[in-house]
Structures are given as structure tokens and as C-alpha cells.
PDB file of all heavy atoms in Angstrom:
ATOM      1  N   MET A   1      -7.961   2.061  -3.594  1.00  0.00           N
ATOM      2  CA  MET A   1      -9.000   1.615  -4.517  1.00  0.00           C
ATOM      3  C   MET A   1      -8.429   1.422  -5.921  1.00  0.00           C
ATOM      4  O   MET A   1      -8.728   0.424  -6.605  1.00  0.00           O
ATOM      5  CB  MET A   1     -10.143   2.639  -4.543  1.00  0.00           C
ATOM      6  CG  MET A   1     -11.319   2.257  -5.436  1.00  0.00           C
ATOM      7  SD  MET A   1     -11.118   2.803  -7.147  1.00  0.00           S
ATOM      8  CE  MET A   1     -11.144   4.577  -6.934  1.00  0.00           C
ATOM      9  N   TYR A   2      -7.576   2.359  -6.384  1.00  0.00           N
ATOM     10  CA  TYR A   2      -6.970   2.207  -7.704  1.00  0.00           C
ATOM     11  C   TYR A   2      -6.051   0.985  -7.757  1.00  0.00           C
ATOM     12  O   TYR A   2      -5.887   0.352  -8.808  1.00  0.00           O
ATOM     13  CB  TYR A   2      -6.197   3.472  -8.080  1.00  0.00           C
ATOM     14  CG  TYR A   2      -7.083   4.542  -8.672  1.00  0.00           C
ATOM     15  CD1 TYR A   2      -7.362   5.705  -7.968  1.00  0.00           C
ATOM     16  CD2 TYR A   2      -7.644   4.383  -9.933  1.00  0.00           C
ATOM     17  CE1 TYR A   2      -8.189   6.688  -8.497  1.00  0.00           C
ATOM     18  CE2 TYR A   2      -8.471   5.357 -10.485  1.00  0.00           C
ATOM     19  CZ  TYR A   2      -8.736   6.505  -9.758  1.00  0.00           C
ATOM     20  OH  TYR A   2      -9.556   7.468 -10.292  1.00  0.00           O
ATOM     21  N   HIS A   3      -5.470   0.657  -6.619  1.00  0.00           N
ATOM     22  CA  HIS A   3      -4.638  -0.547  -6.562  1.00  0.00           C
ATOM     23  C   HIS A   3      -5.500  -1.785  -6.818  1.00  0.00           C
ATOM     24  O   HIS A   3      -5.081  -2.701  -7.537  1.00  0.00           O
ATOM     25  CB  HIS A   3      -3.964  -0.634  -5.184  1.00  0.00           C
ATOM     26  CG  HIS A   3      -3.154  -1.875  -4.999  1.00  0.00           C
ATOM     27  ND1 HIS A   3      -1.927  -2.067  -5.596  1.00  0.00           N
ATOM     28  CD2 HIS A   3      -3.402  -3.014  -4.275  1.00  0.00           C
ATOM     29  CE1 HIS A   3      -1.451  -3.251  -5.258  1.00  0.00           C
ATOM     30  NE2 HIS A   3      -2.326  -3.845  -4.448  1.00  0.00           N
ATOM     31  N   VAL A   4      -6.709  -1.818  -6.225  1.00  0.00           N
ATOM     32  CA  VAL A   4      -7.625  -2.941  -6.471  1.00  0.00           C
ATOM     33  C   VAL A   4      -8.019  -2.989  -7.940  1.00  0.00           C
ATOM     34  O   VAL A   4      -8.089  -4.065  -8.551  1.00  0.00           O
ATOM     35  CB  VAL A   4      -8.871  -2.819  -5.570  1.00  0.00           C
ATOM     36  CG1 VAL A   4      -9.863  -3.935  -5.872  1.00  0.00           C
ATOM     37  CG2 VAL A   4      -8.479  -2.855  -4.104  1.00  0.00           C
ATOM     38  N   LYS A   5      -8.286  -1.820  -8.531  1.00  0.00           N
ATOM     39  CA  LYS A   5      -8.631  -1.772  -9.960  1.00  0.00           C
ATOM     40  C   LYS A   5      -7.516  -2.395 -10.800  1.00  0.00           C
ATOM     41  O   LYS A   5      -7.771  -3.169 -11.729  1.00  0.00           O
ATOM     42  CB  LYS A   5      -8.843  -0.315 -10.383  1.00  0.00           C
ATOM     43  CG  LYS A   5     -10.084   0.346  -9.820  1.00  0.00           C
ATOM     44  CD  LYS A   5     -11.325   0.000 -10.600  1.00  0.00           C
ATOM     45  CE  LYS A   5     -12.507   0.847 -10.169  1.00  0.00           C
ATOM     46  NZ  LYS A   5     -13.768   0.442 -10.830  1.00  0.00           N
ATOM     47  N   ALA A   6      -6.266  -2.035 -10.462  1.00  0.00           N
ATOM     48  CA  ALA A   6      -5.132  -2.537 -11.238  1.00  0.00           C
ATOM     49  C   ALA A   6      -4.942  -4.036 -11.059  1.00  0.00           C
ATOM     50  O   ALA A   6      -4.411  -4.712 -11.951  1.00  0.00           O
ATOM     51  CB  ALA A   6      -3.859  -1.799 -10.823  1.00  0.00           C
ATOM     52  N   GLN A   7      -5.395  -4.564  -9.926  1.00  0.00           N
ATOM     53  CA  GLN A   7      -5.232  -5.991  -9.645  1.00  0.00           C
ATOM     54  C   GLN A   7      -6.377  -6.847 -10.186  1.00  0.00           C
ATOM     55  O   GLN A   7      -6.418  -8.042  -9.940  1.00  0.00           O
ATOM     56  CB  GLN A   7      -5.113  -6.200  -8.134  1.00  0.00           C
ATOM     57  CG  GLN A   7      -3.901  -5.539  -7.499  1.00  0.00           C
ATOM     58  CD  GLN A   7      -2.599  -6.068  -8.055  1.00  0.00           C
ATOM     59  OE1 GLN A   7      -2.421  -7.271  -8.217  1.00  0.00           O
ATOM     60  NE2 GLN A   7      -1.674  -5.158  -8.369  1.00  0.00           N
ATOM     61  N   GLY A   8      -7.336  -6.221 -10.879  1.00  0.00           N
ATOM     62  CA  GLY A   8      -8.409  -6.993 -11.477  1.00  0.00           C
ATOM     63  C   GLY A   8      -9.791  -6.698 -10.951  1.00  0.00           C
ATOM     64  O   GLY A   8     -10.756  -7.384 -11.314  1.00  0.00           O
ATOM     65  N   LYS A   9      -9.928  -5.727 -10.051  1.00  0.00           N
ATOM     66  CA  LYS A   9     -11.220  -5.264  -9.542  1.00  0.00           C
ATOM     67  C   LYS A   9     -11.867  -6.318  -8.632  1.00  0.00           C
ATOM     68  O   LYS A   9     -11.277  -7.349  -8.324  1.00  0.00           O
ATOM     69  CB  LYS A   9     -12.166  -4.881 -10.686  1.00  0.00           C
ATOM     70  CG  LYS A   9     -11.589  -3.870 -11.657  1.00  0.00           C
ATOM     71  CD  LYS A   9     -12.534  -3.582 -12.812  1.00  0.00           C
ATOM     72  CE  LYS A   9     -11.910  -2.593 -13.773  1.00  0.00           C
ATOM     73  NZ  LYS A   9     -12.784  -2.294 -14.929  1.00  0.00           N
ATOM     74  N   ASN A  10     -13.089  -6.011  -8.185  1.00  0.00           N
ATOM     75  CA  ASN A  10     -13.907  -6.893  -7.347  1.00  0.00           C
ATOM     76  C   ASN A  10     -13.137  -7.381  -6.119  1.00  0.00           C
ATOM     77  O   ASN A  10     -12.930  -8.579  -5.920  1.00  0.00           O
ATOM     78  CB  ASN A  10     -14.418  -8.097  -8.149  1.00  0.00           C
ATOM     79  CG  ASN A  10     -15.489  -8.864  -7.377  1.00  0.00           C
ATOM     80  OD1 ASN A  10     -16.153  -8.313  -6.508  1.00  0.00           O
ATOM     81  ND2 ASN A  10     -15.643 -10.138  -7.690  1.00  0.00           N
ATOM     82  N   GLY A  11     -12.721  -6.439  -5.301  1.00  0.00           N
ATOM     83  CA  GLY A  11     -12.009  -6.792  -4.085  1.00  0.00           C
ATOM     84  C   GLY A  11     -11.775  -5.568  -3.229  1.00  0.00           C
ATOM     85  O   GLY A  11     -12.244  -4.467  -3.539  1.00  0.00           O
ATOM     86  N   HIS A  12     -11.026  -5.757  -2.144  1.00  0.00           N
ATOM     87  CA  HIS A  12     -10.692  -4.634  -1.280  1.00  0.00           C
ATOM     88  C   HIS A  12      -9.213  -4.694  -0.922  1.00  0.00           C
ATOM     89  O   HIS A  12      -8.592  -5.768  -0.971  1.00  0.00           O
ATOM     90  CB  HIS A  12     -11.552  -4.630  -0.019  1.00  0.00           C
ATOM     91  CG  HIS A  12     -11.175  -5.691   0.982  1.00  0.00           C
ATOM     92  ND1 HIS A  12     -11.697  -6.969   0.933  1.00  0.00           N
ATOM     93  CD2 HIS A  12     -10.314  -5.670   2.039  1.00  0.00           C
ATOM     94  CE1 HIS A  12     -11.197  -7.695   1.925  1.00  0.00           C
ATOM     95  NE2 HIS A  12     -10.350  -6.931   2.614  1.00  0.00           N
ATOM     96  N   SER A  13      -8.675  -3.551  -0.574  1.00  0.00           N
ATOM     97  CA  SER A  13      -7.267  -3.483  -0.217  1.00  0.00           C
ATOM     98  C   SER A  13      -7.054  -2.343   0.757  1.00  0.00           C
ATOM     99  O   SER A  13      -7.676  -1.276   0.627  1.00  0.00           O
ATOM    100  CB  SER A  13      -6.404  -3.274  -1.470  1.00  0.00           C
ATOM    101  OG  SER A  13      -5.042  -3.122  -1.112  1.00  0.00           O
ATOM    102  N   PHE A  14      -6.148  -2.558   1.733  1.00  0.00           N
ATOM    103  CA  PHE A  14      -5.751  -1.494   2.645  1.00  0.00           C
ATOM    104  C   PHE A  14      -4.621  -0.683   2.018  1.00  0.00           C
ATOM    105  O   PHE A  14      -3.811  -1.201   1.244  1.00  0.00           O
ATOM    106  CB  PHE A  14      -5.296  -2.085   3.979  1.00  0.00           C
ATOM    107  CG  PHE A  14      -6.423  -2.614   4.819  1.00  0.00           C
ATOM    108  CD1 PHE A  14      -6.847  -3.930   4.686  1.00  0.00           C
ATOM    109  CD2 PHE A  14      -7.055  -1.790   5.729  1.00  0.00           C
ATOM    110  CE1 PHE A  14      -7.895  -4.423   5.450  1.00  0.00           C
ATOM    111  CE2 PHE A  14      -8.101  -2.266   6.505  1.00  0.00           C
ATOM    112  CZ  PHE A  14      -8.525  -3.591   6.363  1.00  0.00           C
ATOM    113  N   TYR A  15      -4.587   0.562   2.377  1.00  0.00           N
ATOM    114  CA  TYR A  15      -3.545   1.450   1.850  1.00  0.00           C
ATOM    115  C   TYR A  15      -2.174   0.997   2.325  1.00  0.00           C
ATOM    116  O   TYR A  15      -1.989   0.574   3.472  1.00  0.00           O
ATOM    117  CB  TYR A  15      -3.796   2.886   2.293  1.00  0.00           C
ATOM    118  CG  TYR A  15      -2.623   3.810   2.026  1.00  0.00           C
ATOM    119  CD1 TYR A  15      -2.356   4.281   0.739  1.00  0.00           C
ATOM    120  CD2 TYR A  15      -1.767   4.180   3.065  1.00  0.00           C
ATOM    121  CE1 TYR A  15      -1.269   5.098   0.500  1.00  0.00           C
ATOM    122  CE2 TYR A  15      -0.681   5.007   2.828  1.00  0.00           C
ATOM    123  CZ  TYR A  15      -0.431   5.467   1.546  1.00  0.00           C
ATOM    124  OH  TYR A  15       0.650   6.288   1.314  1.00  0.00           O
ATOM    125  N   ASP A  16      -1.227   1.111   1.401  1.00  0.00           N
ATOM    126  CA  ASP A  16       0.172   0.848   1.719  1.00  0.00           C
ATOM    127  C   ASP A  16       1.005   1.917   1.036  1.00  0.00           C
ATOM    128  O   ASP A  16       0.668   2.373  -0.062  1.00  0.00           O
ATOM    129  CB  ASP A  16       0.577  -0.554   1.235  1.00  0.00           C
ATOM    130  CG  ASP A  16       1.991  -0.902   1.672  1.00  0.00           C
ATOM    131  OD1 ASP A  16       2.935  -0.583   0.922  1.00  0.00           O
ATOM    132  OD2 ASP A  16       2.138  -1.467   2.772  1.00  0.00           O
ATOM    133  N   SER A  17       2.093   2.314   1.657  1.00  0.00           N
ATOM    134  CA  SER A  17       2.902   3.412   1.110  1.00  0.00           C
ATOM    135  C   SER A  17       3.489   3.085  -0.256  1.00  0.00           C
ATOM    136  O   SER A  17       3.939   3.984  -0.978  1.00  0.00           O
ATOM    137  CB  SER A  17       4.028   3.765   2.093  1.00  0.00           C
ATOM    138  OG  SER A  17       4.838   2.626   2.352  1.00  0.00           O
ATOM    139  N   SER A  18       3.514   1.802  -0.614  1.00  0.00           N
ATOM    140  CA  SER A  18       4.065   1.428  -1.923  1.00  0.00           C
ATOM    141  C   SER A  18       3.094   1.674  -3.069  1.00  0.00           C
ATOM    142  O   SER A  18       3.464   1.557  -4.239  1.00  0.00           O
ATOM    143  CB  SER A  18       4.466  -0.050  -1.899  1.00  0.00           C
ATOM    144  OG  SER A  18       3.321  -0.864  -1.684  1.00  0.00           O
ATOM    145  N   MET A  19       1.874   2.019  -2.728  1.00  0.00           N
ATOM    146  CA  MET A  19       0.867   2.246  -3.780  1.00  0.00           C
ATOM    147  C   MET A  19       1.042   3.647  -4.357  1.00  0.00           C
ATOM    148  O   MET A  19       0.475   4.614  -3.865  1.00  0.00           O
ATOM    149  CB  MET A  19      -0.541   2.085  -3.208  1.00  0.00           C
ATOM    150  CG  MET A  19      -0.835   0.707  -2.670  1.00  0.00           C
ATOM    151  SD  MET A  19      -2.466   0.658  -1.879  1.00  0.00           S
ATOM    152  CE  MET A  19      -2.539  -1.044  -1.351  1.00  0.00           C
ATOM    153  N   VAL A  20       1.835   3.748  -5.390  1.00  0.00           N
ATOM    154  CA  VAL A  20       2.125   5.068  -5.944  1.00  0.00           C
ATOM    155  C   VAL A  20       1.709   5.174  -7.411  1.00  0.00           C
ATOM    156  O   VAL A  20       1.985   6.178  -8.065  1.00  0.00           O
ATOM    157  CB  VAL A  20       3.633   5.384  -5.812  1.00  0.00           C
ATOM    158  CG1 VAL A  20       4.030   5.506  -4.359  1.00  0.00           C
ATOM    159  CG2 VAL A  20       4.463   4.300  -6.513  1.00  0.00           C
ATOM    160  N   ASP A  21       1.082   4.137  -7.945  1.00  0.00           N
ATOM    161  CA  ASP A  21       0.741   4.161  -9.370  1.00  0.00           C
ATOM    162  C   ASP A  21      -0.190   5.315  -9.710  1.00  0.00           C
ATOM    163  O   ASP A  21       0.027   6.044 -10.690  1.00  0.00           O
ATOM    164  CB  ASP A  21       0.082   2.837  -9.774  1.00  0.00           C
ATOM    165  CG  ASP A  21       1.083   1.695  -9.737  1.00  0.00           C
ATOM    166  OD1 ASP A  21       2.289   1.995  -9.716  1.00  0.00           O
ATOM    167  OD2 ASP A  21       0.653   0.532  -9.717  1.00  0.00           O
ATOM    168  N   ALA A  22      -1.249   5.462  -8.892  1.00  0.00           N
ATOM    169  CA  ALA A  22      -2.208   6.534  -9.172  1.00  0.00           C
ATOM    170  C   ALA A  22      -1.556   7.897  -9.023  1.00  0.00           C
ATOM    171  O   ALA A  22      -1.794   8.817  -9.820  1.00  0.00           O
ATOM    172  CB  ALA A  22      -3.402   6.420  -8.235  1.00  0.00           C
ATOM    173  N   SER A  23      -0.705   8.049  -7.999  1.00  0.00           N
ATOM    174  CA  SER A  23      -0.025   9.331  -7.802  1.00  0.00           C
ATOM    175  C   SER A  23       0.906   9.621  -8.971  1.00  0.00           C
ATOM    176  O   SER A  23       1.015  10.768  -9.425  1.00  0.00           O
ATOM    177  CB  SER A  23       0.772   9.308  -6.490  1.00  0.00           C
ATOM    178  OG  SER A  23      -0.078   9.186  -5.395  1.00  0.00           O
ATOM    179  N   HIS A  24       1.587   8.564  -9.441  1.00  0.00           N
ATOM    180  CA  HIS A  24       2.476   8.756 -10.580  1.00  0.00           C
ATOM    181  C   HIS A  24       1.696   9.206 -11.815  1.00  0.00           C
ATOM    182  O   HIS A  24       2.145  10.065 -12.581  1.00  0.00           O
ATOM    183  CB  HIS A  24       3.223   7.453 -10.870  1.00  0.00           C
ATOM    184  CG  HIS A  24       4.097   7.515 -12.075  1.00  0.00           C
ATOM    185  ND1 HIS A  24       5.259   8.264 -12.126  1.00  0.00           N
ATOM    186  CD2 HIS A  24       3.955   6.940 -13.309  1.00  0.00           C
ATOM    187  CE1 HIS A  24       5.806   8.147 -13.322  1.00  0.00           C
ATOM    188  NE2 HIS A  24       5.036   7.345 -14.056  1.00  0.00           N
TER     189      HIS A  24
END
């Protein structure tokens, strides 16, 4: 979900192991 927020919101995305921004 945070990945979608970073990409401009209003959308959906499946989890991928590369999504580490929020964890960072």
C-alpha cells in the first residue's frame, strides 16, 4: 500500500520483495 502511495496513490499493487521503502 505504501508503494502505491509513493507512486501517486489511487491504485493497487501486489507485494514484491523489492518494496523496502516503508521498512527502511
